[in-house]
Amino acid sequence: MTEYTIVIEDAGSNFSAYVIGLDGVVTTGHTIEEVVENMREAIPFHLEGMKLHGDALPEALPIVTTVQVSS
C-alpha cells in the first residue's frame, strides 16, 4: 500500500483536491469526506492509465513540510 499526500481546498460551493507529486489527479466533492473517497478511486484509476500508456510511475513521493513566517 502506498500513501499519497492530497491537498483539499475550499472551492466555495464544494471542495476540490489534487495529489502532490502525481500530476493530473484532481477531484471535487460536497464534503471533505466525499473528496477523500473520490481520491481513493481516482488515484488507482490514474496509475492504471499511466501503466497502460507506458508512463513511468513516480518512484519517490515528495516530502511535505510547513514553514513559519512573520505576518
PDB file of N, CA and C in Angstrom:
ATOM      1  N   MET A   1       0.848  -1.174   0.000  1.00  0.00           N
ATOM      2  CA  MET A   1       0.000   0.000   0.000  1.00  0.00           C
ATOM      3  C   MET A   1       0.899   1.244   0.000  1.00  0.00           C
ATOM      4  N   THR A   2       0.534   2.241  -0.787  1.00  0.00           N
ATOM      5  CA  THR A   2       1.291   3.477  -0.895  1.00  0.00           C
ATOM      6  C   THR A   2       0.446   4.634  -0.391  1.00  0.00           C
ATOM      7  N   GLU A   3       1.061   5.540   0.341  1.00  0.00           N
ATOM      8  CA  GLU A   3       0.372   6.743   0.807  1.00  0.00           C
ATOM      9  C   GLU A   3       0.660   7.888  -0.143  1.00  0.00           C
ATOM     10  N   TYR A   4      -0.373   8.653  -0.436  1.00  0.00           N
ATOM     11  CA  TYR A   4      -0.239   9.851  -1.256  1.00  0.00           C
ATOM     12  C   TYR A   4      -0.737  11.031  -0.448  1.00  0.00           C
ATOM     13  N   THR A   5      -0.072  12.158  -0.596  1.00  0.00           N
ATOM     14  CA  THR A   5      -0.488  13.385   0.082  1.00  0.00           C
ATOM     15  C   THR A   5      -1.410  14.151  -0.845  1.00  0.00           C
ATOM     16  N   ILE A   6      -2.603  14.466  -0.337  1.00  0.00           N
ATOM     17  CA  ILE A   6      -3.543  15.244  -1.133  1.00  0.00           C
ATOM     18  C   ILE A   6      -3.760  16.594  -0.455  1.00  0.00           C
ATOM     19  N   VAL A   7      -4.050  17.591  -1.270  1.00  0.00           N
ATOM     20  CA  VAL A   7      -4.374  18.919  -0.782  1.00  0.00           C
ATOM     21  C   VAL A   7      -5.849  19.157  -1.080  1.00  0.00           C
ATOM     22  N   ILE A   8      -6.588  19.487  -0.035  1.00  0.00           N
ATOM     23  CA  ILE A   8      -8.022  19.755  -0.176  1.00  0.00           C
ATOM     24  C   ILE A   8      -8.229  21.243   0.053  1.00  0.00           C
ATOM     25  N   GLU A   9      -8.932  21.869  -0.884  1.00  0.00           N
ATOM     26  CA  GLU A   9      -9.181  23.305  -0.803  1.00  0.00           C
ATOM     27  C   GLU A   9     -10.677  23.586  -0.835  1.00  0.00           C
ATOM     28  N   ASP A  10     -11.079  24.616  -0.126  1.00  0.00           N
ATOM     29  CA  ASP A  10     -12.471  25.075  -0.157  1.00  0.00           C
ATOM     30  C   ASP A  10     -12.679  25.815  -1.472  1.00  0.00           C
ATOM     31  N   ALA A  11     -13.598  25.337  -2.284  1.00  0.00           N
ATOM     32  CA  ALA A  11     -13.850  25.946  -3.592  1.00  0.00           C
ATOM     33  C   ALA A  11     -15.150  26.756  -3.593  1.00  0.00           C
ATOM     34  N   GLY A  12     -15.606  27.133  -2.410  1.00  0.00           N
ATOM     35  CA  GLY A  12     -16.831  27.931  -2.327  1.00  0.00           C
ATOM     36  C   GLY A  12     -18.051  27.065  -2.113  1.00  0.00           C
ATOM     37  N   SER A  13     -18.573  26.522  -3.188  1.00  0.00           N
ATOM     38  CA  SER A  13     -19.782  25.692  -3.073  1.00  0.00           C
ATOM     39  C   SER A  13     -19.458  24.212  -2.899  1.00  0.00           C
ATOM     40  N   ASN A  14     -18.184  23.862  -2.957  1.00  0.00           N
ATOM     41  CA  ASN A  14     -17.756  22.476  -2.749  1.00  0.00           C
ATOM     42  C   ASN A  14     -16.282  22.471  -2.344  1.00  0.00           C
ATOM     43  N   PHE A  15     -15.661  21.302  -2.365  1.00  0.00           N
ATOM     44  CA  PHE A  15     -14.242  21.165  -2.081  1.00  0.00           C
ATOM     45  C   PHE A  15     -13.557  20.558  -3.294  1.00  0.00           C
ATOM     46  N   SER A  16     -12.298  20.910  -3.497  1.00  0.00           N
ATOM     47  CA  SER A  16     -11.519  20.316  -4.581  1.00  0.00           C
ATOM     48  C   SER A  16     -10.216  19.802  -3.994  1.00  0.00           C
ATOM     49  N   ALA A  17      -9.592  18.865  -4.698  1.00  0.00           N
ATOM     50  CA  ALA A  17      -8.347  18.285  -4.197  1.00  0.00           C
ATOM     51  C   ALA A  17      -7.467  17.864  -5.355  1.00  0.00           C
ATOM     52  N   TYR A  18      -6.164  17.837  -5.060  1.00  0.00           N
ATOM     53  CA  TYR A  18      -5.184  17.316  -6.006  1.00  0.00           C
ATOM     54  C   TYR A  18      -4.133  16.539  -5.229  1.00  0.00           C
ATOM     55  N   VAL A  19      -3.344  15.748  -5.957  1.00  0.00           N
ATOM     56  CA  VAL A  19      -2.324  14.900  -5.345  1.00  0.00           C
ATOM     57  C   VAL A  19      -0.959  15.539  -5.550  1.00  0.00           C
ATOM     58  N   ILE A  20      -0.210  15.696  -4.471  1.00  0.00           N
ATOM     59  CA  ILE A  20       1.152  16.216  -4.576  1.00  0.00           C
ATOM     60  C   ILE A  20       2.045  15.120  -5.161  1.00  0.00           C
ATOM     61  N   GLY A  21       2.763  15.456  -6.223  1.00  0.00           N
ATOM     62  CA  GLY A  21       3.681  14.521  -6.843  1.00  0.00           C
ATOM     63  C   GLY A  21       3.056  13.584  -7.856  1.00  0.00           C
ATOM     64  N   LEU A  22       1.778  13.749  -8.131  1.00  0.00           N
ATOM     65  CA  LEU A  22       1.094  12.899  -9.105  1.00  0.00           C
ATOM     66  C   LEU A  22       0.209  13.807  -9.960  1.00  0.00           C
ATOM     67  N   ASP A  23       0.840  14.468 -10.903  1.00  0.00           N
ATOM     68  CA  ASP A  23       0.143  15.455 -11.726  1.00  0.00           C
ATOM     69  C   ASP A  23      -1.045  14.856 -12.460  1.00  0.00           C
ATOM     70  N   GLY A  24      -2.117  15.636 -12.530  1.00  0.00           N
ATOM     71  CA  GLY A  24      -3.279  15.239 -13.309  1.00  0.00           C
ATOM     72  C   GLY A  24      -4.387  14.589 -12.515  1.00  0.00           C
ATOM     73  N   VAL A  25      -4.169  14.317 -11.238  1.00  0.00           N
ATOM     74  CA  VAL A  25      -5.210  13.687 -10.428  1.00  0.00           C
ATOM     75  C   VAL A  25      -5.892  14.773  -9.610  1.00  0.00           C
ATOM     76  N   VAL A  26      -7.135  15.066  -9.961  1.00  0.00           N
ATOM     77  CA  VAL A  26      -7.938  16.056  -9.255  1.00  0.00           C
ATOM     78  C   VAL A  26      -9.334  15.499  -9.047  1.00  0.00           C
ATOM     79  N   THR A  27     -10.019  16.013  -8.049  1.00  0.00           N
ATOM     80  CA  THR A  27     -11.396  15.614  -7.812  1.00  0.00           C
ATOM     81  C   THR A  27     -12.103  16.705  -7.023  1.00  0.00           C
ATOM     82  N   THR A  28     -13.408  16.604  -6.954  1.00  0.00           N
ATOM     83  CA  THR A  28     -14.216  17.528  -6.166  1.00  0.00           C
ATOM     84  C   THR A  28     -15.238  16.738  -5.370  1.00  0.00           C
ATOM     85  N   GLY A  29     -15.876  17.418  -4.435  1.00  0.00           N
ATOM     86  CA  GLY A  29     -16.942  16.800  -3.664  1.00  0.00           C
ATOM     87  C   GLY A  29     -17.633  17.837  -2.807  1.00  0.00           C
ATOM     88  N   HIS A  30     -18.824  17.491  -2.344  1.00  0.00           N
ATOM     89  CA  HIS A  30     -19.589  18.408  -1.496  1.00  0.00           C
ATOM     90  C   HIS A  30     -19.040  18.473  -0.078  1.00  0.00           C
ATOM     91  N   THR A  31     -18.362  17.415   0.355  1.00  0.00           N
ATOM     92  CA  THR A  31     -17.782  17.361   1.698  1.00  0.00           C
ATOM     93  C   THR A  31     -16.327  16.895   1.598  1.00  0.00           C
ATOM     94  N   ILE A  32     -15.581  17.121   2.665  1.00  0.00           N
ATOM     95  CA  ILE A  32     -14.199  16.640   2.695  1.00  0.00           C
ATOM     96  C   ILE A  32     -14.174  15.124   2.593  1.00  0.00           C
ATOM     97  N   GLU A  33     -15.083  14.470   3.283  1.00  0.00           N
ATOM     98  CA  GLU A  33     -15.135  13.003   3.243  1.00  0.00           C
ATOM     99  C   GLU A  33     -15.393  12.500   1.824  1.00  0.00           C
ATOM    100  N   GLU A  34     -16.260  13.190   1.093  1.00  0.00           N
ATOM    101  CA  GLU A  34     -16.546  12.800  -0.290  1.00  0.00           C
ATOM    102  C   GLU A  34     -15.311  12.990  -1.170  1.00  0.00           C
ATOM    103  N   VAL A  35     -14.589  14.081  -0.959  1.00  0.00           N
ATOM    104  CA  VAL A  35     -13.360  14.326  -1.727  1.00  0.00           C
ATOM    105  C   VAL A  35     -12.340  13.221  -1.461  1.00  0.00           C
ATOM    106  N   VAL A  36     -12.169  12.857  -0.196  1.00  0.00           N
ATOM    107  CA  VAL A  36     -11.212  11.805   0.152  1.00  0.00           C
ATOM    108  C   VAL A  36     -11.612  10.491  -0.506  1.00  0.00           C
ATOM    109  N   GLU A  37     -12.882  10.142  -0.452  1.00  0.00           N
ATOM    110  CA  GLU A  37     -13.349   8.893  -1.077  1.00  0.00           C
ATOM    111  C   GLU A  37     -13.158   8.943  -2.592  1.00  0.00           C
ATOM    112  N   ASN A  38     -13.459  10.084  -3.205  1.00  0.00           N
ATOM    113  CA  ASN A  38     -13.251  10.221  -4.649  1.00  0.00           C
ATOM    114  C   ASN A  38     -11.778  10.056  -5.001  1.00  0.00           C
ATOM    115  N   MET A  39     -10.905  10.566  -4.143  1.00  0.00           N
ATOM    116  CA  MET A  39      -9.466  10.456  -4.388  1.00  0.00           C
ATOM    117  C   MET A  39      -9.016   9.005  -4.279  1.00  0.00           C
ATOM    118  N   ARG A  40      -9.607   8.252  -3.357  1.00  0.00           N
ATOM    119  CA  ARG A  40      -9.267   6.827  -3.229  1.00  0.00           C
ATOM    120  C   ARG A  40      -9.594   6.059  -4.513  1.00  0.00           C
ATOM    121  N   GLU A  41     -10.554   6.548  -5.260  1.00  0.00           N
ATOM    122  CA  GLU A  41     -10.909   5.921  -6.539  1.00  0.00           C
ATOM    123  C   GLU A  41     -10.072   6.495  -7.688  1.00  0.00           C
ATOM    124  N   ALA A  42      -9.791   7.794  -7.635  1.00  0.00           N
ATOM    125  CA  ALA A  42      -9.112   8.465  -8.749  1.00  0.00           C
ATOM    126  C   ALA A  42      -7.649   8.073  -8.869  1.00  0.00           C
ATOM    127  N   ILE A  43      -6.964   7.913  -7.742  1.00  0.00           N
ATOM    128  CA  ILE A  43      -5.529   7.616  -7.796  1.00  0.00           C
ATOM    129  C   ILE A  43      -5.254   6.276  -8.477  1.00  0.00           C
ATOM    130  N   PRO A  44      -5.885   5.168  -8.054  1.00  0.00           N
ATOM    131  CA  PRO A  44      -5.606   3.893  -8.745  1.00  0.00           C
ATOM    132  C   PRO A  44      -5.995   3.934 -10.232  1.00  0.00           C
ATOM    133  N   PHE A  45      -7.086   4.634 -10.545  1.00  0.00           N
ATOM    134  CA  PHE A  45      -7.521   4.771 -11.932  1.00  0.00           C
ATOM    135  C   PHE A  45      -6.445   5.488 -12.746  1.00  0.00           C
ATOM    136  N   HIS A  46      -5.900   6.553 -12.197  1.00  0.00           N
ATOM    137  CA  HIS A  46      -4.853   7.316 -12.879  1.00  0.00           C
ATOM    138  C   HIS A  46      -3.585   6.480 -13.059  1.00  0.00           C
ATOM    139  N   LEU A  47      -3.184   5.773 -12.013  1.00  0.00           N
ATOM    140  CA  LEU A  47      -1.978   4.936 -12.086  1.00  0.00           C
ATOM    141  C   LEU A  47      -2.143   3.833 -13.130  1.00  0.00           C
ATOM    142  N   GLU A  48      -3.319   3.252 -13.208  1.00  0.00           N
ATOM    143  CA  GLU A  48      -3.566   2.220 -14.216  1.00  0.00           C
ATOM    144  C   GLU A  48      -3.456   2.802 -15.623  1.00  0.00           C
ATOM    145  N   GLY A  49      -3.983   4.009 -15.811  1.00  0.00           N
ATOM    146  CA  GLY A  49      -3.856   4.674 -17.104  1.00  0.00           C
ATOM    147  C   GLY A  49      -2.410   4.950 -17.469  1.00  0.00           C
ATOM    148  N   MET A  50      -1.629   5.355 -16.476  1.00  0.00           N
ATOM    149  CA  MET A  50      -0.206   5.581 -16.720  1.00  0.00           C
ATOM    150  C   MET A  50       0.471   4.284 -17.163  1.00  0.00           C
ATOM    151  N   LYS A  51       0.155   3.184 -16.503  1.00  0.00           N
ATOM    152  CA  LYS A  51       0.742   1.892 -16.861  1.00  0.00           C
ATOM    153  C   LYS A  51       0.359   1.508 -18.288  1.00  0.00           C
ATOM    154  N   LEU A  52      -0.906   1.684 -18.634  1.00  0.00           N
ATOM    155  CA  LEU A  52      -1.383   1.319 -19.975  1.00  0.00           C
ATOM    156  C   LEU A  52      -0.691   2.137 -21.064  1.00  0.00           C
ATOM    157  N   HIS A  53      -0.341   3.383 -20.748  1.00  0.00           N
ATOM    158  CA  HIS A  53       0.327   4.241 -21.721  1.00  0.00           C
ATOM    159  C   HIS A  53       1.846   4.126 -21.669  1.00  0.00           C
ATOM    160  N   GLY A  54       2.348   3.257 -20.810  1.00  0.00           N
ATOM    161  CA  GLY A  54       3.796   3.058 -20.723  1.00  0.00           C
ATOM    162  C   GLY A  54       4.529   4.160 -19.979  1.00  0.00           C
ATOM    163  N   ASP A  55       3.786   4.987 -19.245  1.00  0.00           N
ATOM    164  CA  ASP A  55       4.419   6.054 -18.476  1.00  0.00           C
ATOM    165  C   ASP A  55       5.061   5.486 -17.210  1.00  0.00           C
ATOM    166  N   ALA A  56       6.156   6.072 -16.811  1.00  0.00           N
ATOM    167  CA  ALA A  56       6.824   5.648 -15.575  1.00  0.00           C
ATOM    168  C   ALA A  56       6.028   6.140 -14.371  1.00  0.00           C
ATOM    169  N   LEU A  57       5.833   5.260 -13.416  1.00  0.00           N
ATOM    170  CA  LEU A  57       5.157   5.649 -12.180  1.00  0.00           C
ATOM    171  C   LEU A  57       6.144   6.393 -11.290  1.00  0.00           C
ATOM    172  N   PRO A  58       5.648   7.341 -10.507  1.00  0.00           N
ATOM    173  CA  PRO A  58       6.571   8.081  -9.638  1.00  0.00           C
ATOM    174  C   PRO A  58       7.257   7.133  -8.659  1.00  0.00           C
ATOM    175  N   GLU A  59       8.573   7.264  -8.538  1.00  0.00           N
ATOM    176  CA  GLU A  59       9.327   6.384  -7.649  1.00  0.00           C
ATOM    177  C   GLU A  59       9.422   6.940  -6.239  1.00  0.00           C
ATOM    178  N   ALA A  60       9.576   8.235  -6.117  1.00  0.00           N
ATOM    179  CA  ALA A  60       9.714   8.844  -4.797  1.00  0.00           C
ATOM    180  C   ALA A  60       8.643   9.912  -4.621  1.00  0.00           C
ATOM    181  N   LEU A  61       7.974   9.830  -3.515  1.00  0.00           N
ATOM    182  CA  LEU A  61       6.963  10.839  -3.225  1.00  0.00           C
ATOM    183  C   LEU A  61       7.645  12.054  -2.598  1.00  0.00           C
ATOM    184  N   PRO A  62       7.088  13.228  -2.821  1.00  0.00           N
ATOM    185  CA  PRO A  62       7.720  14.419  -2.271  1.00  0.00           C
ATOM    186  C   PRO A  62       7.613  14.470  -0.746  1.00  0.00           C
ATOM    187  N   ILE A  63       8.516  15.212  -0.156  1.00  0.00           N
ATOM    188  CA  ILE A  63       8.446  15.478   1.281  1.00  0.00           C
ATOM    189  C   ILE A  63       7.703  16.793   1.450  1.00  0.00           C
ATOM    190  N   VAL A  64       6.696  16.777   2.290  1.00  0.00           N
ATOM    191  CA  VAL A  64       5.890  17.966   2.517  1.00  0.00           C
ATOM    192  C   VAL A  64       6.135  18.457   3.937  1.00  0.00           C
ATOM    193  N   THR A  65       6.370  19.748   4.062  1.00  0.00           N
ATOM    194  CA  THR A  65       6.572  20.352   5.370  1.00  0.00           C
ATOM    195  C   THR A  65       5.967  21.738   5.378  1.00  0.00           C
ATOM    196  N   THR A  66       6.004  22.403   6.493  1.00  0.00           N
ATOM    197  CA  THR A  66       5.497  23.769   6.587  1.00  0.00           C
ATOM    198  C   THR A  66       6.617  24.664   7.082  1.00  0.00           C
ATOM    199  N   VAL A  67       6.456  25.957   6.836  1.00  0.00           N
ATOM    200  CA  VAL A  67       7.390  26.950   7.346  1.00  0.00           C
ATOM    201  C   VAL A  67       6.582  28.045   8.027  1.00  0.00           C
ATOM    202  N   GLN A  68       7.168  28.674   9.012  1.00  0.00           N
ATOM    203  CA  GLN A  68       6.520  29.793   9.694  1.00  0.00           C
ATOM    204  C   GLN A  68       7.204  31.075   9.259  1.00  0.00           C
ATOM    205  N   VAL A  69       6.387  32.107   8.986  1.00  0.00           N
ATOM    206  CA  VAL A  69       6.895  33.413   8.607  1.00  0.00           C
ATOM    207  C   VAL A  69       6.154  34.474   9.406  1.00  0.00           C
ATOM    208  N   SER A  70       6.772  35.603   9.582  1.00  0.00           N
ATOM    209  CA  SER A  70       6.107  36.725  10.254  1.00  0.00           C
ATOM    210  C   SER A  70       5.021  37.274   9.349  1.00  0.00           C
ATOM    211  N   SER A  71       3.886  37.616   9.964  1.00  0.00           N
ATOM    212  CA  SER A  71       2.820  38.203   9.147  1.00  0.00           C
ATOM    213  C   SER A  71       2.422  39.561   9.659  1.00  0.00           C
TER     214      SER A  71
END
